[in-house]
């Protein structure tokens, strides 16, 4: 299951369903980075088709359409997740994009290890999922046996805690991030505790420790800006409005004072985040946002033949 700093502490069925839809919006927001990530994976593959892909922790399936675009329409995907609300949205993505013949969606808990029926895969794709596990290296080691000798393992991270949504306000944005970490309704304790070796920015170390070689690490920035007519791409603006005007604004109202935002800082932030305000950031000339997503890829050591 994918995740973000917008994870809710309330894991009711209704909350999970809302979260799945929110994560699909996020996946669509970072689609340019997803596409570039898959293209970089493709460059490391020998070029033989059809490819077999394991989408380990597929979440709502936002990346499904890109697999065929990048790897060819004959590429087959086994997509697994342990969240039924996410899988419901993922199955809808399969239907919406006519992928029934190539994408198989299954419920599976990754912590249980690979299923015995699975054969080798050319691509092991872990998107925003490894940091859910206490020991990401052990998780990678367990799935290493599934990788084809010339295949690629890839770990992707959305980079949301380094994002720039309020350009020109770095100090205020840092305080807002602290507010998000303080807002228990929107940030679980385990994310606040992911520092150092446990943070997904350490993915290259995870893959190296798991025994993979030829590890490569790339920053794949996603940037949206106002165009010449003053608008922002429709899907991007929709996500930003939800993210800024609802999610972040609600955190400031709920936990801004507790997190240390002064009254003046809270007022300034709310002005930037409220659509009816003259200072609303999305309507400012020259507005842009920037999210530095991360991709780490690796391969098996030479002579490691995986499983038969």
Protein backbone atom coordinates (compact mmCIF):
# COMPACT_ATOMS: atom_id res chain seq x y z
CA UNK A 1 0.00 0.00 0.00
CA UNK A 2 1.30 3.40 -0.87
CA UNK A 3 1.42 6.12 1.72
CA UNK A 4 2.07 9.80 2.24
CA UNK A 5 2.21 12.32 5.02
CA UNK A 6 -1.53 12.61 4.50
CA UNK A 7 -2.13 9.21 6.09
CA UNK A 8 -5.03 9.38 8.53
CA UNK A 9 -4.82 7.88 11.99
CA UNK A 10 -8.45 6.78 11.61
CA UNK A 11 -8.36 3.48 9.71
CA UNK A 12 -12.13 2.98 9.48
CA UNK A 13 -13.46 1.50 6.25
CA UNK A 14 -14.78 4.91 5.17
CA UNK A 15 -11.47 6.60 6.00
CA UNK A 16 -9.54 3.91 4.10
CA UNK A 17 -11.75 4.41 1.05
CA UNK A 18 -11.24 8.18 1.15
CA UNK A 19 -7.51 7.65 1.58
CA UNK A 20 -7.39 5.33 -1.44
CA UNK A 21 -9.04 7.98 -3.61
CA UNK A 22 -6.65 10.59 -2.22
CA UNK A 23 -3.67 8.42 -3.05
CA UNK A 24 -4.94 7.94 -6.60
CA UNK A 25 -5.01 11.73 -6.94
CA UNK A 26 -1.45 11.84 -5.64
CA UNK A 27 -0.35 9.10 -8.08
CA UNK A 28 -1.82 11.10 -10.93
CA UNK A 29 -0.07 14.23 -9.66
CA UNK A 30 3.36 12.55 -9.81
CA UNK A 31 2.70 10.66 -13.07
CA UNK A 32 5.51 12.51 -14.88
CA UNK A 33 7.97 11.09 -12.33
CA UNK A 34 6.42 7.63 -12.53
CA UNK A 35 6.85 7.64 -16.30
CA UNK A 36 10.47 8.78 -16.10
CA UNK A 37 11.17 6.19 -13.41
CA UNK A 38 9.80 3.37 -15.57
CA UNK A 39 11.75 4.65 -18.58
CA UNK A 40 14.97 4.55 -16.55
CA UNK A 41 14.15 1.01 -15.46
CA UNK A 42 13.54 0.07 -19.10
CA UNK A 43 16.98 1.37 -20.02
CA UNK A 44 18.53 -1.17 -17.64
CA UNK A 45 16.63 -4.15 -19.05
CA UNK A 46 17.93 -6.29 -21.94
CA UNK A 47 14.97 -5.31 -24.14
CA UNK A 48 13.38 -8.75 -24.35
CA UNK A 49 9.57 -8.89 -24.36
CA UNK A 50 7.11 -9.68 -22.98
CA UNK A 51 8.18 -8.54 -19.53
CA UNK A 52 6.77 -9.72 -16.20
CA UNK A 53 6.32 -7.09 -13.50
CA UNK A 54 5.47 -7.39 -9.80
CA UNK A 55 3.85 -4.22 -8.47
CA UNK A 56 4.50 -4.91 -4.80
CA UNK A 57 2.18 -2.66 -2.79
CA UNK A 58 0.22 -1.33 -5.77
CA UNK A 59 -2.07 0.95 -3.75
CA UNK A 60 -4.86 2.39 -5.95
CA UNK A 61 -3.14 1.42 -9.20
CA UNK A 62 -2.23 4.88 -10.42
CA UNK A 63 0.83 3.60 -12.26
CA UNK A 64 -0.96 0.76 -14.13
CA UNK A 65 -1.48 2.57 -17.47
CA UNK A 66 2.19 3.49 -17.64
CA UNK A 67 3.42 -0.10 -17.51
CA UNK A 68 2.02 -0.80 -20.98
CA UNK A 69 3.13 2.59 -22.30
CA UNK A 70 6.74 2.08 -21.27
CA UNK A 71 7.25 -1.71 -21.31
CA UNK A 72 4.93 -2.61 -24.18
CA UNK A 73 1.35 -3.80 -24.37
CA UNK A 74 2.42 -7.43 -23.93
CA UNK A 75 3.98 -6.79 -20.54
CA UNK A 76 2.09 -8.59 -17.77
CA UNK A 77 1.67 -7.26 -14.24
CA UNK A 78 0.83 -8.94 -10.96
CA UNK A 79 -0.27 -6.14 -8.63
CA UNK A 80 -0.66 -6.91 -4.92
CA UNK A 81 -1.74 -4.94 -1.87
CA UNK A 82 -3.20 -5.77 1.54
CA UNK A 83 -5.78 -2.96 1.64
CA UNK A 84 -9.16 -3.86 0.17
CA UNK A 85 -10.19 -0.18 -0.35
CA UNK A 86 -6.99 0.36 -2.33
CA UNK A 87 -7.61 -2.81 -4.32
CA UNK A 88 -11.14 -1.71 -5.19
CA UNK A 89 -9.77 1.50 -6.70
CA UNK A 90 -6.97 -0.46 -8.40
CA UNK A 91 -9.47 -2.84 -10.01
CA UNK A 92 -11.42 0.16 -11.29
CA UNK A 93 -8.21 1.45 -12.89
CA UNK A 94 -7.81 -1.89 -14.65
CA UNK A 95 -11.35 -1.63 -16.03
CA UNK A 96 -11.07 2.05 -16.92
CA UNK A 97 -7.89 1.56 -18.93
CA UNK A 98 -8.87 -1.81 -20.49
CA UNK A 99 -6.02 -3.66 -18.82
CA UNK A 100 -7.89 -6.86 -17.89
CA UNK A 101 -5.67 -8.95 -20.15
CA UNK A 102 -2.37 -7.75 -18.73
CA UNK A 103 -2.84 -6.60 -15.09
CA UNK A 104 -3.88 -9.05 -12.39
CA UNK A 105 -4.83 -7.51 -9.03
CA UNK A 106 -4.51 -9.72 -5.94
CA UNK A 107 -4.81 -9.23 -2.20
CA UNK A 108 -1.56 -10.22 -0.52
CA UNK A 109 0.35 -9.20 2.59
CA UNK A 110 3.93 -8.55 1.47
CA UNK A 111 5.21 -9.41 4.95
CA UNK A 112 4.19 -13.03 4.31
CA UNK A 113 6.83 -13.27 1.59
CA UNK A 114 6.44 -14.30 -2.05
CA UNK A 115 3.68 -16.67 -3.07
CA UNK A 116 4.87 -20.10 -4.11
CA UNK A 117 3.03 -19.88 -7.44
CA UNK A 118 4.97 -16.81 -8.56
CA UNK A 119 7.77 -17.28 -11.06
CA UNK A 120 10.56 -14.81 -11.71
CA UNK A 121 9.87 -11.21 -12.65
CA UNK A 122 11.84 -8.84 -14.87
CA UNK A 123 10.86 -5.87 -12.68
CA UNK A 124 10.18 -5.73 -8.95
CA UNK A 125 8.46 -2.37 -8.39
CA UNK A 126 8.13 -1.10 -4.80
CA UNK A 127 6.43 2.31 -4.83
CA UNK A 128 6.01 4.13 -1.51
CA UNK A 129 5.78 0.86 0.39
CA UNK A 130 9.10 -0.37 1.79
CA UNK A 131 9.11 2.12 4.66
CA UNK A 132 5.96 0.48 6.04
CA UNK A 133 8.10 -2.41 7.20
CA UNK A 134 10.32 -2.41 10.27
CA UNK A 135 13.20 -3.93 8.29
CA UNK A 136 13.10 -2.89 4.59
CA UNK A 137 16.38 -4.72 3.92
CA UNK A 138 14.90 -8.01 5.11
CA UNK A 139 11.84 -7.42 2.93
CA UNK A 140 14.05 -6.87 -0.12
CA UNK A 141 16.07 -9.99 0.68
CA UNK A 142 12.88 -12.07 0.83
CA UNK A 143 11.78 -10.93 -2.62
CA UNK A 144 15.22 -11.07 -4.20
CA UNK A 145 14.65 -14.66 -5.23
CA UNK A 146 11.86 -13.53 -7.55
CA UNK A 147 14.08 -11.32 -9.69
CA UNK A 148 15.17 -12.58 -13.09
CA UNK A 149 18.99 -12.67 -13.37
CA UNK A 150 18.91 -9.71 -15.77
CA UNK A 151 15.98 -7.99 -14.10
CA UNK A 152 15.74 -4.74 -12.13
CA UNK A 153 14.48 -4.05 -8.64
CA UNK A 154 13.14 -0.51 -8.20
CA UNK A 155 12.14 1.47 -5.11
CA UNK A 156 10.24 4.73 -5.59
CA UNK A 157 9.50 7.37 -2.97
CA UNK A 158 7.24 10.38 -3.44
CA UNK A 159 9.52 12.88 -1.70
CA UNK A 160 6.57 14.74 -0.17
CA UNK A 161 8.43 15.86 2.94
CA UNK A 162 10.86 17.88 0.79
CA UNK A 163 8.21 19.39 -1.46
CA UNK A 164 7.87 23.11 -2.20
CA UNK A 165 4.22 24.12 -2.30
CA UNK A 166 4.68 27.70 -1.08
CA UNK A 167 7.59 29.13 -3.11
CA UNK A 168 9.21 32.09 -1.42
CA UNK A 169 8.09 31.01 2.05
CA UNK A 170 10.69 28.42 3.15
CA UNK A 171 10.56 29.27 6.86
CA UNK A 172 6.78 29.25 6.93
CA UNK A 173 6.70 26.01 4.97
CA UNK A 174 9.07 24.38 7.46
CA UNK A 175 6.79 25.43 10.32
CA UNK A 176 3.78 24.09 8.43
CA UNK A 177 5.55 20.75 8.00
CA UNK A 178 6.11 20.66 11.74
CA UNK A 179 2.41 21.34 12.16
CA UNK A 180 1.61 18.38 9.92
CA UNK A 181 3.84 16.19 12.09
CA UNK A 182 1.99 17.44 15.18
CA UNK A 183 -1.48 16.90 13.76
CA UNK A 184 -2.25 13.38 14.99
CA UNK A 185 -5.37 13.11 12.84
CA UNK A 186 -3.31 13.41 9.65
CA UNK A 187 0.12 12.04 10.50
CA UNK A 188 0.62 8.70 12.26
CA UNK A 189 3.33 8.37 14.89
CA UNK A 190 5.34 5.88 12.86
CA UNK A 191 5.95 8.45 10.11
CA UNK A 192 7.22 11.01 12.61
CA UNK A 193 9.66 8.38 13.86
CA UNK A 194 11.15 7.64 10.43
CA UNK A 195 14.49 9.37 10.65
CA UNK A 196 17.99 8.29 9.72
CA UNK A 197 18.24 4.68 8.60
CA UNK A 198 14.44 4.24 8.67
CA UNK A 199 13.64 7.07 6.24
CA UNK A 200 12.96 6.23 2.56
CA UNK A 201 15.64 8.67 1.48
CA UNK A 202 17.95 5.84 2.59
CA UNK A 203 16.71 3.49 -0.14
CA UNK A 204 20.17 3.12 -1.75
CA UNK A 205 21.52 1.82 1.56
CA UNK A 206 18.59 -0.59 1.86
CA UNK A 207 19.19 -2.16 -1.54
CA UNK A 208 22.94 -2.37 -0.98
CA UNK A 209 22.47 -4.03 2.42
CA UNK A 210 20.02 -6.49 0.87
CA UNK A 211 22.77 -7.74 -1.45
CA UNK A 212 21.85 -6.03 -4.71
CA UNK A 213 24.53 -4.52 -6.92
CA UNK A 214 24.85 -1.76 -9.53
CA UNK A 215 22.71 0.47 -7.33
CA UNK A 216 21.65 3.73 -8.96
CA UNK A 217 19.83 6.62 -7.33
CA UNK A 218 17.98 9.38 -9.18
CA UNK A 219 16.04 12.48 -8.21
CA UNK A 220 13.05 12.84 -10.54
CA UNK A 221 11.47 16.24 -9.95
CA UNK A 222 7.83 16.95 -10.61
CA UNK A 223 7.15 20.63 -11.28
CA UNK A 224 3.91 22.39 -12.11
CA UNK A 225 3.69 26.09 -12.87
CA UNK A 226 1.17 28.63 -14.05
CA UNK A 227 1.17 28.77 -17.84
CA UNK A 228 1.07 31.86 -20.05
CA UNK A 229 -2.67 32.19 -19.50
CA UNK A 230 -2.22 32.09 -15.74
CA UNK A 231 -3.63 28.61 -15.23
CA UNK A 232 -2.26 25.37 -13.80
CA UNK A 233 -2.84 21.98 -15.39
CA UNK A 234 -6.34 20.89 -14.36
CA UNK A 235 -5.50 17.62 -12.58
CA UNK A 236 -2.56 19.24 -10.81
CA UNK A 237 -4.63 22.17 -9.61
CA UNK A 238 -7.33 19.83 -8.34
CA UNK A 239 -4.78 17.95 -6.25
CA UNK A 240 -3.12 21.14 -5.01
CA UNK A 241 -6.45 22.66 -3.99
CA UNK A 242 -7.23 19.57 -1.94
CA UNK A 243 -3.73 19.38 -0.50
CA UNK A 244 -3.36 23.06 0.36
CA UNK A 245 -6.86 24.34 0.96
CA UNK A 246 -8.10 21.28 2.82
CA UNK A 247 -5.32 19.08 4.17
CA UNK A 248 -2.66 21.60 5.18
CA UNK A 249 -5.11 24.36 6.11
CA UNK A 250 -6.97 21.93 8.38
CA UNK A 251 -3.73 20.95 10.08
CA UNK A 252 -2.90 24.57 10.80
CA UNK A 253 -6.34 25.18 12.28
CA UNK A 254 -6.12 22.00 14.37
CA UNK A 255 -2.49 21.97 15.48
CA UNK A 256 -0.75 25.16 14.35
CA UNK A 257 -0.54 26.75 17.78
CA UNK A 258 0.61 23.50 19.39
CA UNK A 259 3.32 23.12 16.74
CA UNK A 260 4.71 26.57 17.50
CA UNK A 261 3.21 28.75 14.78
CA UNK A 262 2.71 32.26 16.11
CA UNK A 263 -0.65 33.95 15.60
CA UNK A 264 0.79 36.10 12.82
CA UNK A 265 2.36 33.07 11.12
CA UNK A 266 -0.93 31.18 11.28
CA UNK A 267 -2.78 34.14 9.79
CA UNK A 268 -0.21 34.50 7.01
CA UNK A 269 -0.35 30.77 6.23
CA UNK A 270 -4.14 30.69 6.19
CA UNK A 271 -4.15 33.63 3.78
CA UNK A 272 -1.92 31.70 1.41
CA UNK A 273 -4.04 28.55 1.71
CA UNK A 274 -7.59 29.93 1.57
CA UNK A 275 -9.09 30.13 -1.96
CA UNK A 276 -11.22 33.18 -1.09
CA UNK A 277 -8.15 35.12 0.09
CA UNK A 278 -6.49 37.73 -2.11
CA UNK A 279 -3.19 36.10 -1.11
CA UNK A 280 -4.23 32.56 -2.19
CA UNK A 281 -0.99 31.06 -3.39
CA UNK A 282 -2.35 29.19 -6.43
CA UNK A 283 -3.60 32.47 -7.90
CA UNK A 284 -0.32 34.35 -7.48
CA UNK A 285 1.64 35.27 -10.65
CA UNK A 286 4.60 32.98 -11.21
CA UNK A 287 3.31 30.28 -8.86
CA UNK A 288 4.99 26.87 -9.12
CA UNK A 289 5.31 23.77 -6.99
CA UNK A 290 8.11 21.24 -6.89
CA UNK A 291 8.24 17.66 -5.56
CA UNK A 292 11.61 15.83 -5.67
CA UNK A 293 10.60 12.18 -6.04
CA UNK A 294 13.29 9.53 -5.65
CA UNK A 295 14.08 6.37 -7.61
CA UNK A 296 16.61 3.73 -6.60
CA UNK A 297 17.27 0.81 -8.95
CA UNK A 298 19.58 -2.19 -8.66
CA UNK A 299 20.29 -5.63 -10.08
CA UNK A 300 21.31 -9.03 -8.83
CA UNK A 301 25.00 -9.73 -8.26
CA UNK A 302 26.74 -11.33 -11.22
CA UNK A 303 26.27 -15.11 -11.09
CA UNK A 304 23.11 -14.93 -9.01
CA UNK A 305 20.54 -16.89 -11.01
CA UNK A 306 17.56 -16.31 -8.74
CA UNK A 307 15.14 -19.25 -8.68
CA UNK A 308 14.61 -21.84 -11.36
